[in-house]
């Protein structure tokens, strides 16, 4: 053991190996040209450099047969790239794991979907075209041939009110108009055809005849039907306008009604509206609309503003102030919402040219929180966004969340409920207000803001479920908000299913 080497034992008859010299290990080469030996500087392998036989031996040395070669099916093998071959250290693995956790947490809370305004709740309009059975429509058409005049009148009025402009309905009403002898039935058939958009010469002439009638109720009824049909006609693109029969005669009779009657009378006003739809630049209609702006009738005032701004394209300081007055003081909430939309139609450029940008901004900021109806607040928020005032309003409202007065904090929360939340810290500030604010009204408005914005995430649900278990107004508001958020979640799931559905 130790450092000594074990010498092999000499067996009987074995020869001692001859001692090797350096000359014997030097390879001697012969020059082919001269035949003399050439000494090479390349040394032969020494005794210790001779490759030895490895054990165990390969099975091929004693195998008596050769195995048959099998066909190897070619296949594609994924070759890893150098970055994948490189082993990651423990620190990199830990950082990657933390990054995945952060991304998962970020996906759970995303404010991008809450920046936009909440959906405006619109009334569900009954779609007769989809839900009305064809059998019911055929029954009404069959009633037109009934011997009883009351049944015919009922069928004609019903077909006009349904608004289904099918070829069978229009042809049946035309036949009734031409074949019947009853004046009242002829009038109802012409009125129904006008409501369905058929303003042909026989129909318009019959309606003009009833505009000359002494009965004020008949005039008012005729003008109401003409107003509906002409409004729909004016809203279509000019290239798609259909032909109106006896148009010059209709304009002449409408002018006569406006000039002969009191300008503020309902018949004169309706005739001026119809005249404005037929001729945008008509001076008589324009003068009547401006006269109605000075009256206290809010319904006429909003109709006059819509006609002057949307139809006639007149936008000046007088009309902008009239819209602001309507938005501030009108008693009908739908008219206030229409006024906010009119500001969007006017646009920021025109408002700046008239020098009323600050007045418009102050009124919109005030209505954003003091307006009791959500639909109006959403219309105001849309106007703020279209007029490019949203960032400025956000800066003001977010500072008001920290105000000492309860009323100001409440107004700020109401404003954010329709404007949306742009920063994560604002969201967590509102969540903290839901837990710790001293004013109950502020906490109620926070719950309603979360519900309106559809903030269906883990943080909001946890807080709402906790408050729902208590009693009082907070528990009731939390229950309502959770129901609303559940509907939002179901609607999102249904939308996703429709997106992935194979048609």
Protein backbone atom coordinates (compact mmCIF):
# COMPACT_ATOMS: atom_id res chain seq x y z
CA UNK A 1 0.00 0.00 0.00
CA UNK A 2 1.25 3.55 0.63
CA UNK A 3 3.29 4.91 -2.26
CA UNK A 4 5.09 1.62 -3.19
CA UNK A 5 4.09 -0.19 -6.35
CA UNK A 6 3.22 -3.87 -6.36
CA UNK A 7 5.62 -5.85 -8.62
CA UNK A 8 4.19 -8.87 -10.44
CA UNK A 9 5.49 -12.28 -9.37
CA UNK A 10 7.83 -14.07 -11.80
CA UNK A 11 6.48 -17.42 -12.88
CA UNK A 12 8.62 -20.37 -13.98
CA UNK A 13 9.89 -20.19 -17.57
CA UNK A 14 8.95 -16.53 -18.06
CA UNK A 15 11.46 -14.27 -19.71
CA UNK A 16 12.37 -10.96 -18.23
CA UNK A 17 11.32 -8.21 -20.63
CA UNK A 18 14.14 -6.38 -22.27
CA UNK A 19 14.76 -2.94 -20.95
CA UNK A 20 13.52 -0.35 -23.37
CA UNK A 21 15.76 2.51 -24.43
CA UNK A 22 14.74 5.84 -25.87
CA UNK A 23 16.19 4.91 -29.22
CA UNK A 24 13.86 1.98 -29.59
CA UNK A 25 10.78 4.12 -29.06
CA UNK A 26 11.74 6.67 -31.71
CA UNK A 27 10.09 5.85 -35.01
CA UNK A 28 12.51 5.55 -37.94
CA UNK A 29 11.16 6.50 -41.32
CA UNK A 30 12.65 5.69 -44.70
CA UNK A 31 12.91 8.30 -47.40
CA UNK A 32 11.33 6.94 -50.57
CA UNK A 33 13.59 8.95 -52.84
CA UNK A 34 17.07 8.11 -51.38
CA UNK A 35 16.24 4.95 -49.42
CA UNK A 36 18.02 6.32 -46.37
CA UNK A 37 16.50 6.39 -42.99
CA UNK A 38 15.12 9.64 -41.62
CA UNK A 39 14.85 10.09 -37.89
CA UNK A 40 11.43 11.40 -36.86
CA UNK A 41 10.86 13.60 -33.90
CA UNK A 42 7.44 11.93 -33.25
CA UNK A 43 7.81 9.45 -30.37
CA UNK A 44 6.04 6.12 -30.31
CA UNK A 45 3.43 5.39 -27.68
CA UNK A 46 5.06 4.29 -24.47
CA UNK A 47 4.09 1.17 -22.55
CA UNK A 48 1.73 3.13 -20.35
CA UNK A 49 0.12 4.91 -23.32
CA UNK A 50 -0.95 1.71 -25.12
CA UNK A 51 -4.77 1.55 -25.08
CA UNK A 52 -5.90 -1.22 -22.80
CA UNK A 53 -8.85 -3.57 -23.23
CA UNK A 54 -11.90 -2.50 -21.25
CA UNK A 55 -13.92 -4.94 -19.18
CA UNK A 56 -16.53 -6.28 -19.42
CA UNK A 57 -16.03 -7.05 -23.07
CA UNK A 58 -18.57 -6.04 -25.68
CA UNK A 59 -21.22 -8.76 -26.39
CA UNK A 60 -20.49 -8.44 -30.11
CA UNK A 61 -17.19 -10.32 -29.59
CA UNK A 62 -18.83 -13.64 -28.72
CA UNK A 63 -22.17 -13.14 -30.50
CA UNK A 64 -22.67 -15.96 -33.08
CA UNK A 65 -25.29 -14.14 -35.19
CA UNK A 66 -25.86 -10.65 -36.51
CA UNK A 67 -29.13 -8.97 -35.41
CA UNK A 68 -31.46 -7.85 -38.16
CA UNK A 69 -31.59 -4.12 -38.77
CA UNK A 70 -34.99 -2.68 -37.85
CA UNK A 71 -36.54 0.26 -39.71
CA UNK A 72 -36.57 3.36 -37.55
CA UNK A 73 -39.58 5.58 -38.15
CA UNK A 74 -38.39 9.14 -38.82
CA UNK A 75 -39.86 11.71 -36.45
CA UNK A 76 -39.53 15.37 -35.64
CA UNK A 77 -37.69 16.05 -32.44
CA UNK A 78 -37.98 19.43 -30.79
CA UNK A 79 -34.53 20.88 -30.47
CA UNK A 80 -34.20 23.10 -27.43
CA UNK A 81 -32.70 26.51 -27.97
CA UNK A 82 -29.59 27.63 -26.07
CA UNK A 83 -31.65 29.73 -23.69
CA UNK A 84 -33.67 26.67 -22.70
CA UNK A 85 -30.57 24.53 -22.26
CA UNK A 86 -29.16 27.02 -19.83
CA UNK A 87 -30.07 26.02 -16.31
CA UNK A 88 -31.75 28.69 -14.22
CA UNK A 89 -30.40 29.42 -10.82
CA UNK A 90 -32.58 29.41 -7.73
CA UNK A 91 -32.76 33.21 -7.65
CA UNK A 92 -34.13 33.38 -11.22
CA UNK A 93 -36.70 30.68 -10.44
CA UNK A 94 -37.82 32.60 -7.38
CA UNK A 95 -38.13 35.86 -9.33
CA UNK A 96 -40.11 34.15 -12.07
CA UNK A 97 -42.49 32.66 -9.50
CA UNK A 98 -43.06 36.04 -7.87
CA UNK A 99 -43.65 37.61 -11.28
CA UNK A 100 -46.34 35.03 -12.06
CA UNK A 101 -48.05 35.72 -8.74
CA UNK A 102 -47.99 39.47 -9.43
CA UNK A 103 -49.48 38.99 -12.92
CA UNK A 104 -52.22 36.79 -11.51
CA UNK A 105 -53.05 39.39 -8.87
CA UNK A 106 -53.03 42.12 -11.50
CA UNK A 107 -55.43 40.21 -13.72
CA UNK A 108 -57.77 39.79 -10.75
CA UNK A 109 -57.92 43.58 -10.27
CA UNK A 110 -58.02 45.58 -13.47
CA UNK A 111 -59.27 49.16 -13.59
CA UNK A 112 -59.28 49.36 -17.36
CA UNK A 113 -62.85 48.08 -17.58
CA UNK A 114 -64.09 50.57 -14.97
CA UNK A 115 -62.72 53.69 -16.66
CA UNK A 116 -65.60 53.75 -19.11
CA UNK A 117 -69.04 54.97 -18.16
CA UNK A 118 -71.65 52.62 -16.84
CA UNK A 119 -74.20 51.48 -19.38
CA UNK A 120 -77.17 53.79 -19.68
CA UNK A 121 -80.29 51.90 -18.69
CA UNK A 122 -82.68 52.24 -21.58
CA UNK A 123 -86.25 51.12 -21.60
CA UNK A 124 -86.81 47.83 -23.34
CA UNK A 125 -88.61 48.54 -26.59
CA UNK A 126 -91.04 45.84 -27.61
CA UNK A 127 -89.89 44.60 -31.00
CA UNK A 128 -93.06 43.78 -32.86
CA UNK A 129 -91.16 42.46 -35.85
CA UNK A 130 -89.65 39.64 -33.77
CA UNK A 131 -92.35 38.86 -31.19
CA UNK A 132 -95.59 39.54 -33.05
CA UNK A 133 -96.95 36.37 -34.56
CA UNK A 134 -97.68 36.46 -38.31
CA UNK A 135 -101.12 34.99 -37.57
CA UNK A 136 -102.03 38.12 -35.58
CA UNK A 137 -100.99 40.35 -38.47
CA UNK A 138 -103.03 38.29 -40.89
CA UNK A 139 -106.09 38.54 -38.62
CA UNK A 140 -105.84 42.35 -38.66
CA UNK A 141 -105.54 42.33 -42.45
CA UNK A 142 -108.62 40.10 -42.68
CA UNK A 143 -110.54 42.55 -40.47
CA UNK A 144 -110.16 45.16 -43.23
CA UNK A 145 -112.67 43.20 -45.32
CA UNK A 146 -115.15 42.91 -42.44
CA UNK A 147 -118.71 44.25 -43.03
CA UNK A 148 -118.59 45.93 -39.60
CA UNK A 149 -117.03 49.41 -39.86
CA UNK A 150 -115.83 49.46 -36.25
CA UNK A 151 -113.75 46.34 -36.88
CA UNK A 152 -112.26 47.97 -39.97
CA UNK A 153 -111.39 51.13 -38.02
CA UNK A 154 -109.78 49.07 -35.28
CA UNK A 155 -107.70 47.07 -37.80
CA UNK A 156 -106.56 50.18 -39.69
CA UNK A 157 -105.48 52.01 -36.53
CA UNK A 158 -103.72 48.92 -35.15
CA UNK A 159 -101.74 48.35 -38.36
CA UNK A 160 -100.57 51.97 -38.30
CA UNK A 161 -99.52 51.86 -34.65
CA UNK A 162 -97.62 48.57 -34.99
CA UNK A 163 -95.26 50.15 -37.51
CA UNK A 164 -94.71 47.00 -39.60
CA UNK A 165 -94.18 48.30 -43.13
CA UNK A 166 -94.62 44.97 -44.92
CA UNK A 167 -95.85 44.81 -48.47
CA UNK A 168 -99.02 42.95 -47.53
CA UNK A 169 -99.92 45.57 -44.89
CA UNK A 170 -99.27 48.55 -47.18
CA UNK A 171 -101.18 47.03 -50.12
CA UNK A 172 -104.16 46.21 -47.86
CA UNK A 173 -104.25 49.78 -46.51
CA UNK A 174 -104.02 51.16 -50.07
CA UNK A 175 -106.97 49.01 -51.15
CA UNK A 176 -108.97 50.21 -48.15
CA UNK A 177 -108.17 53.84 -48.99
CA UNK A 178 -109.28 53.44 -52.60
CA UNK A 179 -112.32 51.20 -52.21
CA UNK A 180 -114.05 52.28 -48.99
CA UNK A 181 -116.75 54.99 -48.98
CA UNK A 182 -116.47 55.98 -45.32
CA UNK A 183 -114.62 59.29 -44.83
CA UNK A 184 -113.44 58.38 -41.33
CA UNK A 185 -112.10 55.04 -42.58
CA UNK A 186 -110.33 56.77 -45.49
CA UNK A 187 -108.72 59.23 -43.07
CA UNK A 188 -107.53 56.49 -40.71
CA UNK A 189 -106.10 54.50 -43.64
CA UNK A 190 -104.21 57.58 -44.93
CA UNK A 191 -102.96 58.37 -41.43
CA UNK A 192 -101.71 54.79 -40.94
CA UNK A 193 -99.95 54.87 -44.31
CA UNK A 194 -98.25 58.13 -43.32
CA UNK A 195 -97.05 56.56 -40.06
CA UNK A 196 -95.60 53.67 -42.08
CA UNK A 197 -93.66 56.11 -44.29
CA UNK A 198 -95.90 56.07 -47.36
CA UNK A 199 -96.28 59.77 -48.24
CA UNK A 200 -97.59 59.31 -51.76
CA UNK A 201 -99.75 61.84 -53.57
CA UNK A 202 -103.22 60.39 -52.71
CA UNK A 203 -102.23 60.04 -49.05
CA UNK A 204 -100.78 63.54 -48.74
CA UNK A 205 -103.73 65.16 -50.56
CA UNK A 206 -106.18 63.46 -48.22
CA UNK A 207 -104.22 64.63 -45.16
CA UNK A 208 -104.08 68.20 -46.58
CA UNK A 209 -107.86 68.11 -46.94
CA UNK A 210 -108.16 67.29 -43.25
CA UNK A 211 -105.68 70.05 -42.34
CA UNK A 212 -108.28 72.49 -43.71
CA UNK A 213 -110.95 70.95 -41.51
CA UNK A 214 -112.65 73.16 -38.96
CA UNK A 215 -112.21 70.58 -36.20
CA UNK A 216 -109.12 71.43 -34.13
CA UNK A 217 -108.79 67.86 -32.86
CA UNK A 218 -108.63 66.52 -36.43
CA UNK A 219 -105.97 69.11 -37.38
CA UNK A 220 -103.90 68.28 -34.33
CA UNK A 221 -104.18 64.52 -35.00
CA UNK A 222 -103.15 64.98 -38.64
CA UNK A 223 -100.17 67.15 -37.72
CA UNK A 224 -99.04 64.58 -35.13
CA UNK A 225 -98.97 61.85 -37.80
CA UNK A 226 -97.15 64.13 -40.25
CA UNK A 227 -94.61 65.09 -37.58
CA UNK A 228 -93.71 61.44 -36.94
CA UNK A 229 -93.38 60.54 -40.62
CA UNK A 230 -91.47 63.71 -41.60
CA UNK A 231 -89.07 63.33 -38.68
CA UNK A 232 -88.24 59.79 -39.79
CA UNK A 233 -87.86 61.05 -43.36
CA UNK A 234 -85.47 63.87 -42.36
CA UNK A 235 -83.26 61.53 -40.29
CA UNK A 236 -82.48 59.29 -43.27
CA UNK A 237 -79.50 60.24 -45.50
CA UNK A 238 -80.34 62.58 -48.36
CA UNK A 239 -79.39 59.98 -50.94
CA UNK A 240 -82.01 57.65 -49.48
CA UNK A 241 -84.86 60.15 -49.24
CA UNK A 242 -88.06 58.77 -50.67
CA UNK A 243 -90.41 60.87 -52.74
CA UNK A 244 -93.10 62.95 -50.98
CA UNK A 245 -96.20 63.53 -53.10
CA UNK A 246 -97.75 67.01 -53.36
CA UNK A 247 -94.85 68.46 -51.40
CA UNK A 248 -95.31 72.06 -52.57
CA UNK A 249 -99.01 71.96 -51.69
CA UNK A 250 -98.18 70.55 -48.24
CA UNK A 251 -95.60 73.30 -47.59
CA UNK A 252 -98.08 75.98 -48.68
CA UNK A 253 -100.81 74.73 -46.36
CA UNK A 254 -98.40 74.39 -43.43
CA UNK A 255 -97.29 78.02 -43.94
CA UNK A 256 -100.92 79.08 -43.93
CA UNK A 257 -101.52 77.32 -40.63
CA UNK A 258 -98.47 78.99 -39.05
CA UNK A 259 -99.36 82.52 -40.21
CA UNK A 260 -103.11 82.40 -39.60
CA UNK A 261 -102.98 80.88 -36.11
CA UNK A 262 -101.41 82.30 -32.99
CA UNK A 263 -97.63 81.56 -33.23
CA UNK A 264 -97.65 80.06 -29.75
CA UNK A 265 -100.67 77.86 -30.41
CA UNK A 266 -100.11 74.09 -30.42
CA UNK A 267 -101.37 73.73 -34.01
CA UNK A 268 -99.16 76.54 -35.28
CA UNK A 269 -96.15 75.13 -33.43
CA UNK A 270 -96.72 71.59 -34.82
CA UNK A 271 -97.13 73.00 -38.33
CA UNK A 272 -93.85 74.93 -37.93
CA UNK A 273 -92.11 71.71 -36.81
CA UNK A 274 -93.36 69.88 -39.91
CA UNK A 275 -92.32 72.84 -42.04
CA UNK A 276 -88.81 72.73 -40.54
CA UNK A 277 -88.49 69.04 -41.41
CA UNK A 278 -89.53 69.69 -45.00
CA UNK A 279 -87.41 72.83 -45.47
CA UNK A 280 -84.44 73.43 -43.15
CA UNK A 281 -83.94 77.05 -44.22
CA UNK A 282 -87.59 78.11 -43.98
CA UNK A 283 -87.70 81.58 -42.32
CA UNK A 284 -91.24 81.15 -40.98
CA UNK A 285 -90.35 77.95 -39.14
CA UNK A 286 -87.11 79.48 -37.83
CA UNK A 287 -88.91 82.58 -36.50
CA UNK A 288 -91.52 80.45 -34.76
CA UNK A 289 -88.85 78.33 -33.08
CA UNK A 290 -87.04 81.40 -31.74
CA UNK A 291 -90.32 82.80 -30.40
CA UNK A 292 -90.93 79.59 -28.47
CA UNK A 293 -87.57 79.89 -26.69
CA UNK A 294 -88.84 82.85 -24.69
CA UNK A 295 -91.83 80.91 -23.31
CA UNK A 296 -92.10 78.86 -20.13
CA UNK A 297 -93.41 75.74 -21.87
CA UNK A 298 -90.46 73.33 -21.39
CA UNK A 299 -91.80 70.81 -23.92
CA UNK A 300 -92.02 73.36 -26.73
CA UNK A 301 -88.68 74.83 -25.71
CA UNK A 302 -86.76 71.55 -26.00
CA UNK A 303 -88.46 70.76 -29.33
CA UNK A 304 -87.50 74.20 -30.63
CA UNK A 305 -83.89 73.76 -29.47
CA UNK A 306 -83.63 70.35 -31.14
CA UNK A 307 -85.09 71.74 -34.38
CA UNK A 308 -82.77 74.77 -34.44
CA UNK A 309 -79.56 72.93 -33.45
CA UNK A 310 -79.91 69.47 -34.98
CA UNK A 311 -82.15 70.11 -37.97
CA UNK A 312 -81.34 73.68 -39.01
CA UNK A 313 -77.71 73.67 -37.80
CA UNK A 314 -77.92 77.02 -35.96
CA UNK A 315 -75.43 77.22 -33.06
CA UNK A 316 -74.89 80.55 -31.32
CA UNK A 317 -74.60 81.97 -27.80
CA UNK A 318 -78.39 82.40 -27.43
CA UNK A 319 -79.05 78.74 -28.12
CA UNK A 320 -76.18 77.56 -25.88
CA UNK A 321 -77.55 79.61 -23.00
CA UNK A 322 -81.01 78.23 -23.70
CA UNK A 323 -79.65 74.67 -23.53
CA UNK A 324 -77.88 75.43 -20.22
CA UNK A 325 -81.07 76.93 -18.80
CA UNK A 326 -83.00 73.85 -19.90
CA UNK A 327 -80.40 71.58 -18.28
CA UNK A 328 -80.50 73.47 -14.98
CA UNK A 329 -84.17 74.31 -14.48
CA UNK A 330 -86.35 71.99 -16.59
CA UNK A 331 -88.73 69.89 -14.48
CA UNK A 332 -88.80 66.91 -16.89
CA UNK A 333 -85.74 64.67 -16.50
CA UNK A 334 -85.85 63.39 -20.10
CA UNK A 335 -85.63 66.99 -21.35
CA UNK A 336 -82.59 67.57 -19.14
CA UNK A 337 -80.93 64.49 -20.66
CA UNK A 338 -81.76 65.80 -24.16
CA UNK A 339 -80.17 69.14 -23.25
CA UNK A 340 -76.92 67.40 -22.25
CA UNK A 341 -76.91 65.61 -25.60
CA UNK A 342 -77.47 68.93 -27.41
CA UNK A 343 -74.26 70.27 -25.85
CA UNK A 344 -72.45 67.29 -27.40
CA UNK A 345 -73.99 68.16 -30.77
CA UNK A 346 -72.85 71.79 -30.49
CA UNK A 347 -69.25 70.76 -29.74
CA UNK A 348 -66.36 72.32 -27.87
CA UNK A 349 -65.12 74.44 -30.78
CA UNK A 350 -68.38 76.37 -31.12
CA UNK A 351 -68.66 76.79 -27.35
CA UNK A 352 -65.13 78.22 -27.19
CA UNK A 353 -65.84 80.60 -30.08
CA UNK A 354 -68.83 81.97 -28.19
CA UNK A 355 -66.76 82.34 -25.00
CA UNK A 356 -69.00 80.07 -22.91
CA UNK A 357 -66.59 77.25 -22.08
CA UNK A 358 -66.36 78.09 -18.36
CA UNK A 359 -70.14 78.47 -18.04
CA UNK A 360 -70.71 75.09 -19.67
CA UNK A 361 -68.03 73.47 -17.50
CA UNK A 362 -69.51 74.83 -14.26
CA UNK A 363 -73.04 73.71 -15.14
CA UNK A 364 -71.90 70.21 -16.13
CA UNK A 365 -69.79 69.87 -12.97
CA UNK A 366 -72.76 70.93 -10.86
CA UNK A 367 -75.23 68.57 -12.58
CA UNK A 368 -72.80 65.68 -12.32
CA UNK A 369 -73.41 65.38 -8.58
CA UNK A 370 -76.61 67.31 -7.83
CA UNK A 371 -78.78 65.61 -10.46
CA UNK A 372 -81.06 63.01 -8.79
CA UNK A 373 -81.62 60.84 -11.89
CA UNK A 374 -78.87 58.44 -12.99
CA UNK A 375 -79.82 58.67 -16.68
CA UNK A 376 -79.28 62.43 -16.66
CA UNK A 377 -75.96 62.12 -14.79
CA UNK A 378 -74.76 59.60 -17.37
CA UNK A 379 -75.79 61.93 -20.22
CA UNK A 380 -73.88 64.76 -18.49
CA UNK A 381 -70.82 62.50 -18.09
CA UNK A 382 -70.96 61.65 -21.79
CA UNK A 383 -71.12 65.35 -22.63
CA UNK A 384 -68.09 66.00 -20.39
CA UNK A 385 -66.15 63.30 -22.20
CA UNK A 386 -67.15 64.51 -25.67
CA UNK A 387 -66.28 68.11 -24.79
CA UNK A 388 -62.81 66.96 -23.56
CA UNK A 389 -63.35 68.16 -19.98
CA UNK A 390 -63.08 64.79 -18.28
CA UNK A 391 -59.49 65.05 -17.03
CA UNK A 392 -60.15 68.42 -15.48
CA UNK A 393 -63.29 67.13 -13.75
CA UNK A 394 -61.39 64.06 -12.49
CA UNK A 395 -58.72 66.26 -10.92
CA UNK A 396 -61.36 68.25 -9.04
CA UNK A 397 -63.52 65.33 -7.94
CA UNK A 398 -60.66 63.13 -6.70
CA UNK A 399 -59.46 65.92 -4.38
CA UNK A 400 -62.98 66.26 -2.98
CA UNK A 401 -62.87 62.68 -1.68
CA UNK A 402 -60.61 63.90 1.16
CA UNK A 403 -62.76 66.90 2.08
CA UNK A 404 -63.91 67.32 5.67
CA UNK A 405 -67.54 68.08 4.72
CA UNK A 406 -69.78 65.05 4.29
CA UNK A 407 -71.83 66.62 1.51
CA UNK A 408 -68.79 67.33 -0.67
CA UNK A 409 -67.49 63.77 -0.25
CA UNK A 410 -70.93 62.43 -1.15
CA UNK A 411 -71.06 64.54 -4.33
CA UNK A 412 -67.56 63.41 -5.29
CA UNK A 413 -68.52 59.74 -4.97
CA UNK A 414 -71.68 60.30 -7.03
CA UNK A 415 -69.62 61.96 -9.76
CA UNK A 416 -67.10 59.11 -9.87
CA UNK A 417 -70.00 56.67 -10.10
CA UNK A 418 -70.70 57.88 -13.66
CA UNK A 419 -67.29 59.22 -14.69
CA UNK A 420 -65.40 56.04 -13.80
CA UNK A 421 -62.23 55.45 -11.76
CA UNK A 422 -58.90 56.10 -13.43
CA UNK A 423 -56.40 55.24 -10.64
CA UNK A 424 -56.07 52.22 -8.39
CA UNK A 425 -55.41 54.35 -5.32
CA UNK A 426 -58.75 56.13 -5.85
CA UNK A 427 -60.50 52.78 -5.87
CA UNK A 428 -58.87 51.70 -2.61
CA UNK A 429 -59.67 55.11 -1.11
CA UNK A 430 -63.36 54.55 -1.91
CA UNK A 431 -63.14 51.03 -0.52
CA UNK A 432 -61.71 52.48 2.68
CA UNK A 433 -64.53 55.02 2.78
CA UNK A 434 -67.03 52.15 2.61
CA UNK A 435 -65.46 50.69 5.73
CA UNK A 436 -64.48 53.71 7.80
CA UNK A 437 -66.36 56.83 6.65
CA UNK A 438 -68.34 58.50 9.42
CA UNK A 439 -71.24 59.54 7.16
CA UNK A 440 -73.72 56.80 6.25
CA UNK A 441 -74.90 58.62 3.11
CA UNK A 442 -71.35 58.62 1.75
CA UNK A 443 -71.05 54.87 2.31
CA UNK A 444 -74.38 54.31 0.56
CA UNK A 445 -73.18 56.30 -2.45
CA UNK A 446 -69.95 54.27 -2.56
CA UNK A 447 -72.00 51.06 -2.75
CA UNK A 448 -74.15 52.51 -5.54
CA UNK A 449 -71.07 53.70 -7.43
CA UNK A 450 -69.53 50.23 -7.34
CA UNK A 451 -72.82 48.74 -8.54
CA UNK A 452 -73.27 51.28 -11.35
CA UNK A 453 -69.72 50.80 -12.61
CA UNK A 454 -70.11 47.01 -12.45
CA UNK A 455 -67.00 46.53 -10.29
CA UNK A 456 -67.34 42.79 -9.89
CA UNK A 457 -64.02 41.89 -8.27
CA UNK A 458 -62.81 40.15 -5.15
CA UNK A 459 -62.27 43.26 -3.01
CA UNK A 460 -65.71 44.75 -3.63
CA UNK A 461 -67.58 41.45 -3.21
CA UNK A 462 -65.85 40.69 0.06
CA UNK A 463 -66.75 44.08 1.50
CA UNK A 464 -70.35 43.94 0.25
CA UNK A 465 -70.91 40.43 1.63
CA UNK A 466 -69.59 41.57 4.99
CA UNK A 467 -71.96 44.57 5.08
CA UNK A 468 -74.90 42.48 3.90
CA UNK A 469 -74.84 40.48 7.13
CA UNK A 470 -75.56 43.63 9.16
CA UNK A 471 -78.85 45.53 9.43
CA UNK A 472 -80.09 48.86 8.16
CA UNK A 473 -79.82 50.73 4.89
CA UNK A 474 -76.25 49.57 4.24
CA UNK A 475 -77.33 45.91 4.30
CA UNK A 476 -80.20 46.62 1.87
CA UNK A 477 -77.97 48.56 -0.51
CA UNK A 478 -75.35 45.81 -0.42
CA UNK A 479 -77.97 43.19 -1.26
CA UNK A 480 -79.15 45.27 -4.25
CA UNK A 481 -75.57 45.85 -5.40
CA UNK A 482 -74.72 42.14 -5.20
CA UNK A 483 -77.78 41.29 -7.30
CA UNK A 484 -76.74 43.87 -9.87
CA UNK A 485 -73.16 42.57 -9.96
CA UNK A 486 -74.47 39.04 -10.38
CA UNK A 487 -76.47 40.14 -13.41
CA UNK A 488 -73.36 41.84 -14.83
CA UNK A 489 -71.37 38.64 -14.33
CA UNK A 490 -74.03 36.54 -16.04
CA UNK A 491 -74.22 38.99 -18.94
CA UNK A 492 -70.44 38.83 -19.37
CA UNK A 493 -70.52 35.03 -19.37
CA UNK A 494 -73.31 35.00 -21.93
CA UNK A 495 -71.38 37.43 -24.11
CA UNK A 496 -68.27 35.24 -23.92
CA UNK A 497 -70.31 32.16 -24.86
CA UNK A 498 -71.75 33.98 -27.85
CA UNK A 499 -68.27 35.03 -28.94
CA UNK A 500 -66.98 31.44 -28.88
CA UNK A 501 -70.13 29.90 -30.31
CA UNK A 502 -69.68 28.14 -33.66
CA UNK A 503 -72.20 29.35 -36.23
